[in-house]
Amino acid sequence: MTLMALAVRTSAGRRTGGRKLRVATGQSTAGTTDRERSRAIRAWASDNGYEVSERGRLSSEIVTAYDEAQRQAAEPAPAPARKRAPRRKVAAAKK
């Protein structure tokens, strides 16, 4: 088979793999924000009594608990009820 015939066949063929990613040499596909978030989740989980490994995938239970804790921390605390001075009674209209 010649090189030209091989090129024709490969260009007509279908890809069987997933999406094609193009990454420059020396770069990874995972973003730094994902790593920072994972690091923050691991620190939070270990501080809050969850067993979490140093590496590997985080369980959905831990990620959900972390997101819920962050959401609650972001909500502003309700303002205390404002106390008002009692109203003065207005004398009945004089006849």
PDB file of N, CA and C in Angstrom:
ATOM      1  N   MET A   1       0.854  -1.170   0.000  1.00  0.00           N
ATOM      2  CA  MET A   1       0.000   0.000   0.000  1.00  0.00           C
ATOM      3  C   MET A   1       0.903   1.238   0.000  1.00  0.00           C
ATOM      4  N   THR A   2       0.597   2.144  -0.826  1.00  0.00           N
ATOM      5  CA  THR A   2       1.411   3.348  -0.926  1.00  0.00           C
ATOM      6  C   THR A   2       0.978   4.346   0.136  1.00  0.00           C
ATOM      7  N   LEU A   3       1.794   5.324   0.317  1.00  0.00           N
ATOM      8  CA  LEU A   3       1.508   6.362   1.304  1.00  0.00           C
ATOM      9  C   LEU A   3       0.256   7.148   0.933  1.00  0.00           C
ATOM     10  N   MET A   4       0.060   7.358  -0.335  1.00  0.00           N
ATOM     11  CA  MET A   4      -1.114   8.098  -0.793  1.00  0.00           C
ATOM     12  C   MET A   4      -2.392   7.305  -0.503  1.00  0.00           C
ATOM     13  N   ALA A   5      -2.372   6.020  -0.733  1.00  0.00           N
ATOM     14  CA  ALA A   5      -3.549   5.180  -0.479  1.00  0.00           C
ATOM     15  C   ALA A   5      -3.860   5.129   1.012  1.00  0.00           C
ATOM     16  N   LEU A   6      -2.810   5.089   1.824  1.00  0.00           N
ATOM     17  CA  LEU A   6      -3.006   5.087   3.273  1.00  0.00           C
ATOM     18  C   LEU A   6      -3.620   6.401   3.738  1.00  0.00           C
ATOM     19  N   ALA A   7      -3.185   7.515   3.197  1.00  0.00           N
ATOM     20  CA  ALA A   7      -3.732   8.821   3.556  1.00  0.00           C
ATOM     21  C   ALA A   7      -5.204   8.921   3.187  1.00  0.00           C
ATOM     22  N   VAL A   8      -5.578   8.369   2.059  1.00  0.00           N
ATOM     23  CA  VAL A   8      -6.979   8.398   1.629  1.00  0.00           C
ATOM     24  C   VAL A   8      -7.838   7.593   2.598  1.00  0.00           C
ATOM     25  N   ARG A   9      -7.361   6.429   2.989  1.00  0.00           N
ATOM     26  CA  ARG A   9      -8.140   5.582   3.899  1.00  0.00           C
ATOM     27  C   ARG A   9      -8.252   6.192   5.304  1.00  0.00           C
ATOM     28  N   THR A  10      -7.189   6.765   5.821  1.00  0.00           N
ATOM     29  CA  THR A  10      -7.257   7.333   7.166  1.00  0.00           C
ATOM     30  C   THR A  10      -8.092   8.597   7.201  1.00  0.00           C
ATOM     31  N   SER A  11      -8.094   9.367   6.135  1.00  0.00           N
ATOM     32  CA  SER A  11      -8.913  10.585   6.129  1.00  0.00           C
ATOM     33  C   SER A  11     -10.395  10.245   6.012  1.00  0.00           C
ATOM     34  N   ALA A  12     -10.728   9.108   5.401  1.00  0.00           N
ATOM     35  CA  ALA A  12     -12.127   8.707   5.240  1.00  0.00           C
ATOM     36  C   ALA A  12     -12.649   7.968   6.472  1.00  0.00           C
ATOM     37  N   GLY A  13     -11.756   7.500   7.313  1.00  0.00           N
ATOM     38  CA  GLY A  13     -12.172   6.723   8.475  1.00  0.00           C
ATOM     39  C   GLY A  13     -12.767   7.579   9.580  1.00  0.00           C
ATOM     40  N   ARG A  14     -13.419   6.924  10.524  1.00  0.00           N
ATOM     41  CA  ARG A  14     -14.007   7.609  11.675  1.00  0.00           C
ATOM     42  C   ARG A  14     -13.130   7.428  12.896  1.00  0.00           C
ATOM     43  N   ARG A  15     -13.145   8.430  13.751  1.00  0.00           N
ATOM     44  CA  ARG A  15     -12.449   8.309  15.031  1.00  0.00           C
ATOM     45  C   ARG A  15     -13.308   7.479  15.954  1.00  0.00           C
ATOM     46  N   THR A  16     -12.685   6.590  16.699  1.00  0.00           N
ATOM     47  CA  THR A  16     -13.434   5.783  17.654  1.00  0.00           C
ATOM     48  C   THR A  16     -13.238   6.273  19.072  1.00  0.00           C
ATOM     49  N   GLY A  17     -12.262   7.119  19.283  1.00  0.00           N
ATOM     50  CA  GLY A  17     -11.985   7.621  20.626  1.00  0.00           C
ATOM     51  C   GLY A  17     -12.862   8.805  20.966  1.00  0.00           C
ATOM     52  N   GLY A  18     -12.595   9.377  22.111  1.00  0.00           N
ATOM     53  CA  GLY A  18     -13.353  10.538  22.576  1.00  0.00           C
ATOM     54  C   GLY A  18     -12.915  11.801  21.876  1.00  0.00           C
ATOM     55  N   ARG A  19     -13.219  12.896  22.490  1.00  0.00           N
ATOM     56  CA  ARG A  19     -12.903  14.202  21.935  1.00  0.00           C
ATOM     57  C   ARG A  19     -11.397  14.372  21.840  1.00  0.00           C
ATOM     58  N   LYS A  20     -10.939  14.977  20.802  1.00  0.00           N
ATOM     59  CA  LYS A  20      -9.510  15.181  20.595  1.00  0.00           C
ATOM     60  C   LYS A  20      -9.080  16.457  21.320  1.00  0.00           C
ATOM     61  N   LEU A  21      -8.136  16.327  22.222  1.00  0.00           N
ATOM     62  CA  LEU A  21      -7.635  17.474  22.967  1.00  0.00           C
ATOM     63  C   LEU A  21      -6.267  17.858  22.439  1.00  0.00           C
ATOM     64  N   ARG A  22      -6.067  19.126  22.264  1.00  0.00           N
ATOM     65  CA  ARG A  22      -4.754  19.605  21.854  1.00  0.00           C
ATOM     66  C   ARG A  22      -4.166  20.388  23.019  1.00  0.00           C
ATOM     67  N   VAL A  23      -3.073  19.894  23.525  1.00  0.00           N
ATOM     68  CA  VAL A  23      -2.420  20.509  24.672  1.00  0.00           C
ATOM     69  C   VAL A  23      -0.970  20.767  24.292  1.00  0.00           C
ATOM     70  N   ALA A  24      -0.500  21.948  24.620  1.00  0.00           N
ATOM     71  CA  ALA A  24       0.890  22.269  24.327  1.00  0.00           C
ATOM     72  C   ALA A  24       1.803  21.380  25.164  1.00  0.00           C
ATOM     73  N   THR A  25       2.994  21.173  24.690  1.00  0.00           N
ATOM     74  CA  THR A  25       3.958  20.321  25.383  1.00  0.00           C
ATOM     75  C   THR A  25       4.244  20.879  26.775  1.00  0.00           C
ATOM     76  N   GLY A  26       4.208  20.015  27.759  1.00  0.00           N
ATOM     77  CA  GLY A  26       4.516  20.424  29.123  1.00  0.00           C
ATOM     78  C   GLY A  26       3.320  20.918  29.908  1.00  0.00           C
ATOM     79  N   GLN A  27       2.142  20.940  29.314  1.00  0.00           N
ATOM     80  CA  GLN A  27       0.946  21.389  30.011  1.00  0.00           C
ATOM     81  C   GLN A  27       0.020  20.206  30.244  1.00  0.00           C
ATOM     82  N   SER A  28      -0.727  20.277  31.312  1.00  0.00           N
ATOM     83  CA  SER A  28      -1.689  19.207  31.584  1.00  0.00           C
ATOM     84  C   SER A  28      -3.078  19.663  31.176  1.00  0.00           C
ATOM     85  N   THR A  29      -4.010  18.728  31.104  1.00  0.00           N
ATOM     86  CA  THR A  29      -5.373  19.067  30.714  1.00  0.00           C
ATOM     87  C   THR A  29      -6.186  19.595  31.888  1.00  0.00           C
ATOM     88  N   ALA A  30      -5.785  19.290  33.110  1.00  0.00           N
ATOM     89  CA  ALA A  30      -6.517  19.769  34.287  1.00  0.00           C
ATOM     90  C   ALA A  30      -6.125  21.212  34.576  1.00  0.00           C
ATOM     91  N   GLY A  31      -7.102  22.054  34.831  1.00  0.00           N
ATOM     92  CA  GLY A  31      -6.831  23.452  35.129  1.00  0.00           C
ATOM     93  C   GLY A  31      -6.312  23.623  36.539  1.00  0.00           C
ATOM     94  N   THR A  32      -5.636  24.721  36.773  1.00  0.00           N
ATOM     95  CA  THR A  32      -5.116  24.967  38.115  1.00  0.00           C
ATOM     96  C   THR A  32      -6.241  25.259  39.089  1.00  0.00           C
ATOM     97  N   THR A  33      -7.356  25.787  38.604  1.00  0.00           N
ATOM     98  CA  THR A  33      -8.472  26.055  39.515  1.00  0.00           C
ATOM     99  C   THR A  33      -9.048  24.750  40.051  1.00  0.00           C
ATOM    100  N   ASP A  34      -9.052  23.701  39.225  1.00  0.00           N
ATOM    101  CA  ASP A  34      -9.526  22.402  39.695  1.00  0.00           C
ATOM    102  C   ASP A  34      -8.617  21.865  40.794  1.00  0.00           C
ATOM    103  N   ARG A  35      -7.332  22.023  40.613  1.00  0.00           N
ATOM    104  CA  ARG A  35      -6.379  21.554  41.625  1.00  0.00           C
ATOM    105  C   ARG A  35      -6.525  22.343  42.919  1.00  0.00           C
ATOM    106  N   GLU A  36      -6.669  23.651  42.782  1.00  0.00           N
ATOM    107  CA  GLU A  36      -6.816  24.489  43.986  1.00  0.00           C
ATOM    108  C   GLU A  36      -8.111  24.147  44.718  1.00  0.00           C
ATOM    109  N   ARG A  37      -9.172  23.920  43.965  1.00  0.00           N
ATOM    110  CA  ARG A  37     -10.456  23.567  44.590  1.00  0.00           C
ATOM    111  C   ARG A  37     -10.347  22.216  45.282  1.00  0.00           C
ATOM    112  N   SER A  38      -9.716  21.256  44.625  1.00  0.00           N
ATOM    113  CA  SER A  38      -9.544  19.934  45.237  1.00  0.00           C
ATOM    114  C   SER A  38      -8.713  20.035  46.505  1.00  0.00           C
ATOM    115  N   ARG A  39      -7.684  20.853  46.467  1.00  0.00           N
ATOM    116  CA  ARG A  39      -6.835  21.039  47.645  1.00  0.00           C
ATOM    117  C   ARG A  39      -7.640  21.654  48.788  1.00  0.00           C
ATOM    118  N   ALA A  40      -8.476  22.646  48.462  1.00  0.00           N
ATOM    119  CA  ALA A  40      -9.307  23.286  49.488  1.00  0.00           C
ATOM    120  C   ALA A  40     -10.331  22.300  50.055  1.00  0.00           C
ATOM    121  N   ILE A  41     -10.916  21.476  49.188  1.00  0.00           N
ATOM    122  CA  ILE A  41     -11.897  20.486  49.648  1.00  0.00           C
ATOM    123  C   ILE A  41     -11.232  19.468  50.555  1.00  0.00           C
ATOM    124  N   ARG A  42     -10.041  19.003  50.178  1.00  0.00           N
ATOM    125  CA  ARG A  42      -9.329  18.030  51.022  1.00  0.00           C
ATOM    126  C   ARG A  42      -8.995  18.618  52.389  1.00  0.00           C
ATOM    127  N   ALA A  43      -8.554  19.866  52.423  1.00  0.00           N
ATOM    128  CA  ALA A  43      -8.237  20.507  53.705  1.00  0.00           C
ATOM    129  C   ALA A  43      -9.498  20.640  54.558  1.00  0.00           C
ATOM    130  N   TRP A  44     -10.599  21.077  53.939  1.00  0.00           N
ATOM    131  CA  TRP A  44     -11.855  21.219  54.673  1.00  0.00           C
ATOM    132  C   TRP A  44     -12.334  19.867  55.194  1.00  0.00           C
ATOM    133  N   ALA A  45     -12.263  18.850  54.347  1.00  0.00           N
ATOM    134  CA  ALA A  45     -12.755  17.524  54.723  1.00  0.00           C
ATOM    135  C   ALA A  45     -11.963  16.948  55.889  1.00  0.00           C
ATOM    136  N   SER A  46     -10.645  17.098  55.855  1.00  0.00           N
ATOM    137  CA  SER A  46      -9.846  16.557  56.959  1.00  0.00           C
ATOM    138  C   SER A  46     -10.098  17.335  58.246  1.00  0.00           C
ATOM    139  N   ASP A  47     -10.349  18.648  58.150  1.00  0.00           N
ATOM    140  CA  ASP A  47     -10.654  19.452  59.335  1.00  0.00           C
ATOM    141  C   ASP A  47     -12.024  19.123  59.922  1.00  0.00           C
ATOM    142  N   ASN A  48     -12.932  18.617  59.070  1.00  0.00           N
ATOM    143  CA  ASN A  48     -14.294  18.337  59.509  1.00  0.00           C
ATOM    144  C   ASN A  48     -14.574  16.853  59.712  1.00  0.00           C
ATOM    145  N   GLY A  49     -13.527  16.048  59.875  1.00  0.00           N
ATOM    146  CA  GLY A  49     -13.694  14.660  60.261  1.00  0.00           C
ATOM    147  C   GLY A  49     -13.944  13.667  59.138  1.00  0.00           C
ATOM    148  N   TYR A  50     -13.812  14.080  57.897  1.00  0.00           N
ATOM    149  CA  TYR A  50     -13.959  13.136  56.787  1.00  0.00           C
ATOM    150  C   TYR A  50     -12.614  12.472  56.538  1.00  0.00           C
ATOM    151  N   GLU A  51     -12.658  11.204  56.144  1.00  0.00           N
ATOM    152  CA  GLU A  51     -11.426  10.509  55.771  1.00  0.00           C
ATOM    153  C   GLU A  51     -11.213  10.728  54.286  1.00  0.00           C
ATOM    154  N   VAL A  52     -10.122  11.366  53.941  1.00  0.00           N
ATOM    155  CA  VAL A  52      -9.850  11.669  52.541  1.00  0.00           C
ATOM    156  C   VAL A  52      -8.377  11.406  52.259  1.00  0.00           C
ATOM    157  N   SER A  53      -8.094  10.807  51.096  1.00  0.00           N
ATOM    158  CA  SER A  53      -6.712  10.512  50.745  1.00  0.00           C
ATOM    159  C   SER A  53      -6.027  11.754  50.182  1.00  0.00           C
ATOM    160  N   GLU A  54      -4.712  11.697  50.104  1.00  0.00           N
ATOM    161  CA  GLU A  54      -3.964  12.831  49.571  1.00  0.00           C
ATOM    162  C   GLU A  54      -4.110  12.950  48.065  1.00  0.00           C
ATOM    163  N   ARG A  55      -4.367  11.832  47.416  1.00  0.00           N
ATOM    164  CA  ARG A  55      -4.489  11.820  45.965  1.00  0.00           C
ATOM    165  C   ARG A  55      -5.738  11.063  45.572  1.00  0.00           C
ATOM    166  N   GLY A  56      -6.129  11.224  44.328  1.00  0.00           N
ATOM    167  CA  GLY A  56      -7.259  10.474  43.812  1.00  0.00           C
ATOM    168  C   GLY A  56      -8.532  11.293  43.757  1.00  0.00           C
ATOM    169  N   ARG A  57      -9.566  10.627  43.353  1.00  0.00           N
ATOM    170  CA  ARG A  57     -10.851  11.287  43.162  1.00  0.00           C
ATOM    171  C   ARG A  57     -11.543  11.522  44.497  1.00  0.00           C
ATOM    172  N   LEU A  58     -12.192  12.664  44.618  1.00  0.00           N
ATOM    173  CA  LEU A  58     -12.961  12.979  45.816  1.00  0.00           C
ATOM    174  C   LEU A  58     -14.362  12.402  45.671  1.00  0.00           C
ATOM    175  N   SER A  59     -14.897  11.880  46.760  1.00  0.00           N
ATOM    176  CA  SER A  59     -16.240  11.309  46.687  1.00  0.00           C
ATOM    177  C   SER A  59     -17.266  12.431  46.539  1.00  0.00           C
ATOM    178  N   SER A  60     -18.375  12.095  45.908  1.00  0.00           N
ATOM    179  CA  SER A  60     -19.419  13.098  45.694  1.00  0.00           C
ATOM    180  C   SER A  60     -20.014  13.552  47.022  1.00  0.00           C
ATOM    181  N   GLU A  61     -20.010  12.670  48.023  1.00  0.00           N
ATOM    182  CA  GLU A  61     -20.526  13.030  49.353  1.00  0.00           C
ATOM    183  C   GLU A  61     -19.708  14.173  49.953  1.00  0.00           C
ATOM    184  N   ILE A  62     -18.388  14.078  49.838  1.00  0.00           N
ATOM    185  CA  ILE A  62     -17.509  15.106  50.402  1.00  0.00           C
ATOM    186  C   ILE A  62     -17.651  16.412  49.627  1.00  0.00           C
ATOM    187  N   VAL A  63     -17.709  16.331  48.307  1.00  0.00           N
ATOM    188  CA  VAL A  63     -17.837  17.544  47.487  1.00  0.00           C
ATOM    189  C   VAL A  63     -19.163  18.240  47.767  1.00  0.00           C
ATOM    190  N   THR A  64     -20.239  17.461  47.903  1.00  0.00           N
ATOM    191  CA  THR A  64     -21.548  18.030  48.206  1.00  0.00           C
ATOM    192  C   THR A  64     -21.553  18.693  49.578  1.00  0.00           C
ATOM    193  N   ALA A  65     -20.961  18.043  50.565  1.00  0.00           N
ATOM    194  CA  ALA A  65     -20.890  18.617  51.915  1.00  0.00           C
ATOM    195  C   ALA A  65     -20.071  19.904  51.909  1.00  0.00           C
ATOM    196  N   TYR A  66     -18.974  19.915  51.157  1.00  0.00           N
ATOM    197  CA  TYR A  66     -18.130  21.118  51.058  1.00  0.00           C
ATOM    198  C   TYR A  66     -18.911  22.265  50.413  1.00  0.00           C
ATOM    199  N   ASP A  67     -19.592  21.974  49.307  1.00  0.00           N
ATOM    200  CA  ASP A  67     -20.364  23.014  48.623  1.00  0.00           C
ATOM    201  C   ASP A  67     -21.455  23.575  49.526  1.00  0.00           C
ATOM    202  N   GLU A  68     -22.111  22.702  50.289  1.00  0.00           N
ATOM    203  CA  GLU A  68     -23.166  23.148  51.208  1.00  0.00           C
ATOM    204  C   GLU A  68     -22.583  24.040  52.308  1.00  0.00           C
ATOM    205  N   ALA A  69     -21.422  23.646  52.833  1.00  0.00           N
ATOM    206  CA  ALA A  69     -20.776  24.451  53.880  1.00  0.00           C
ATOM    207  C   ALA A  69     -20.356  25.810  53.337  1.00  0.00           C
ATOM    208  N   GLN A  70     -19.871  25.843  52.117  1.00  0.00           N
ATOM    209  CA  GLN A  70     -19.464  27.114  51.519  1.00  0.00           C
ATOM    210  C   GLN A  70     -20.668  27.999  51.242  1.00  0.00           C
ATOM    211  N   ARG A  71     -21.778  27.372  50.837  1.00  0.00           N
ATOM    212  CA  ARG A  71     -22.992  28.142  50.573  1.00  0.00           C
ATOM    213  C   ARG A  71     -23.530  28.755  51.861  1.00  0.00           C
ATOM    214  N   GLN A  72     -23.509  27.970  52.942  1.00  0.00           N
ATOM    215  CA  GLN A  72     -23.991  28.495  54.219  1.00  0.00           C
ATOM    216  C   GLN A  72     -23.085  29.596  54.747  1.00  0.00           C
ATOM    217  N   ALA A  73     -21.787  29.460  54.523  1.00  0.00           N
ATOM    218  CA  ALA A  73     -20.850  30.491  54.978  1.00  0.00           C
ATOM    219  C   ALA A  73     -21.011  31.772  54.183  1.00  0.00           C
ATOM    220  N   ALA A  74     -21.451  31.660  52.933  1.00  0.00           N
ATOM    221  CA  ALA A  74     -21.593  32.836  52.074  1.00  0.00           C
ATOM    222  C   ALA A  74     -22.880  33.599  52.357  1.00  0.00           C
ATOM    223  N   GLU A  75     -23.874  32.924  52.935  1.00  0.00           N
ATOM    224  CA  GLU A  75     -25.135  33.604  53.239  1.00  0.00           C
ATOM    225  C   GLU A  75     -24.925  34.585  54.382  1.00  0.00           C
ATOM    226  N   PRO A  76     -25.416  35.791  54.221  1.00  0.00           N
ATOM    227  CA  PRO A  76     -25.273  36.749  55.323  1.00  0.00           C
ATOM    228  C   PRO A  76     -26.152  36.352  56.502  1.00  0.00           C
ATOM    229  N   ALA A  77     -25.668  36.615  57.691  1.00  0.00           N
ATOM    230  CA  ALA A  77     -26.437  36.315  58.893  1.00  0.00           C
ATOM    231  C   ALA A  77     -27.618  37.277  58.959  1.00  0.00           C
ATOM    232  N   PRO A  78     -28.763  36.794  59.412  1.00  0.00           N
ATOM    233  CA  PRO A  78     -29.917  37.691  59.480  1.00  0.00           C
ATOM    234  C   PRO A  78     -29.651  38.816  60.481  1.00  0.00           C
ATOM    235  N   ALA A  79     -30.057  40.006  60.100  1.00  0.00           N
ATOM    236  CA  ALA A  79     -29.850  41.159  60.958  1.00  0.00           C
ATOM    237  C   ALA A  79     -30.731  41.031  62.195  1.00  0.00           C
ATOM    238  N   PRO A  80     -30.211  41.419  63.343  1.00  0.00           N
ATOM    239  CA  PRO A  80     -31.038  41.334  64.549  1.00  0.00           C
ATOM    240  C   PRO A  80     -32.224  42.281  64.435  1.00  0.00           C
ATOM    241  N   ALA A  81     -33.313  41.899  65.085  1.00  0.00           N
ATOM    242  CA  ALA A  81     -34.516  42.722  65.042  1.00  0.00           C
ATOM    243  C   ALA A  81     -34.211  44.085  65.662  1.00  0.00           C
ATOM    244  N   ARG A  82     -34.670  45.107  65.007  1.00  0.00           N
ATOM    245  CA  ARG A  82     -34.404  46.454  65.483  1.00  0.00           C
ATOM    246  C   ARG A  82     -35.426  46.823  66.558  1.00  0.00           C
ATOM    247  N   LYS A  83     -34.927  47.250  67.684  1.00  0.00           N
ATOM    248  CA  LYS A  83     -35.834  47.619  68.768  1.00  0.00           C
ATOM    249  C   LYS A  83     -36.218  49.078  68.593  1.00  0.00           C
ATOM    250  N   ARG A  84     -37.490  49.301  68.721  1.00  0.00           N
ATOM    251  CA  ARG A  84     -37.988  50.665  68.569  1.00  0.00           C
ATOM    252  C   ARG A  84     -38.465  51.180  69.922  1.00  0.00           C
ATOM    253  N   ALA A  85     -38.377  52.447  70.060  1.00  0.00           N
ATOM    254  CA  ALA A  85     -38.893  53.073  71.283  1.00  0.00           C
ATOM    255  C   ALA A  85     -40.413  52.989  71.246  1.00  0.00           C
ATOM    256  N   PRO A  86     -41.023  52.819  72.418  1.00  0.00           N
ATOM    257  CA  PRO A  86     -42.491  52.742  72.421  1.00  0.00           C
ATOM    258  C   PRO A  86     -43.093  54.057  71.917  1.00  0.00           C
ATOM    259  N   ARG A  87     -44.198  53.930  71.251  1.00  0.00           N
ATOM    260  CA  ARG A  87     -44.854  55.120  70.709  1.00  0.00           C
ATOM    261  C   ARG A  87     -45.525  55.892  71.835  1.00  0.00           C
ATOM    262  N   ARG A  88     -45.498  57.165  71.664  1.00  0.00           N
ATOM    263  CA  ARG A  88     -46.175  58.012  72.646  1.00  0.00           C
ATOM    264  C   ARG A  88     -47.652  58.073  72.286  1.00  0.00           C
ATOM    265  N   LYS A  89     -48.437  58.012  73.303  1.00  0.00           N
ATOM    266  CA  LYS A  89     -49.869  58.079  73.062  1.00  0.00           C
ATOM    267  C   LYS A  89     -50.251  59.513  72.788  1.00  0.00           C
ATOM    268  N   VAL A  90     -50.954  59.666  71.739  1.00  0.00           N
ATOM    269  CA  VAL A  90     -51.395  61.012  71.376  1.00  0.00           C
ATOM    270  C   VAL A  90     -52.724  61.270  72.085  1.00  0.00           C
ATOM    271  N   ALA A  91     -52.807  62.396  72.735  1.00  0.00           N
ATOM    272  CA  ALA A  91     -54.045  62.721  73.457  1.00  0.00           C
ATOM    273  C   ALA A  91     -55.210  62.782  72.478  1.00  0.00           C
ATOM    274  N   ALA A  92     -56.319  62.302  72.941  1.00  0.00           N
ATOM    275  CA  ALA A  92     -57.497  62.291  72.078  1.00  0.00           C
ATOM    276  C   ALA A  92     -57.787  63.721  71.639  1.00  0.00           C
ATOM    277  N   ALA A  93     -58.270  63.851  70.478  1.00  0.00           N
ATOM    278  CA  ALA A  93     -58.550  65.191  69.936  1.00  0.00           C
ATOM    279  C   ALA A  93     -59.578  65.857  70.837  1.00  0.00           C
ATOM    280  N   LYS A  94     -59.284  67.084  71.220  1.00  0.00           N
ATOM    281  CA  LYS A  94     -60.189  67.809  72.109  1.00  0.00           C
ATOM    282  C   LYS A  94     -61.380  68.294  71.343  1.00  0.00           C
ATOM    283  N   LYS A  95     -62.509  68.186  71.973  1.00  0.00           N
ATOM    284  CA  LYS A  95     -63.751  68.580  71.322  1.00  0.00           C
ATOM    285  C   LYS A  95     -64.021  70.027  71.470  1.00  0.00           C
TER     286      LYS A  95
END
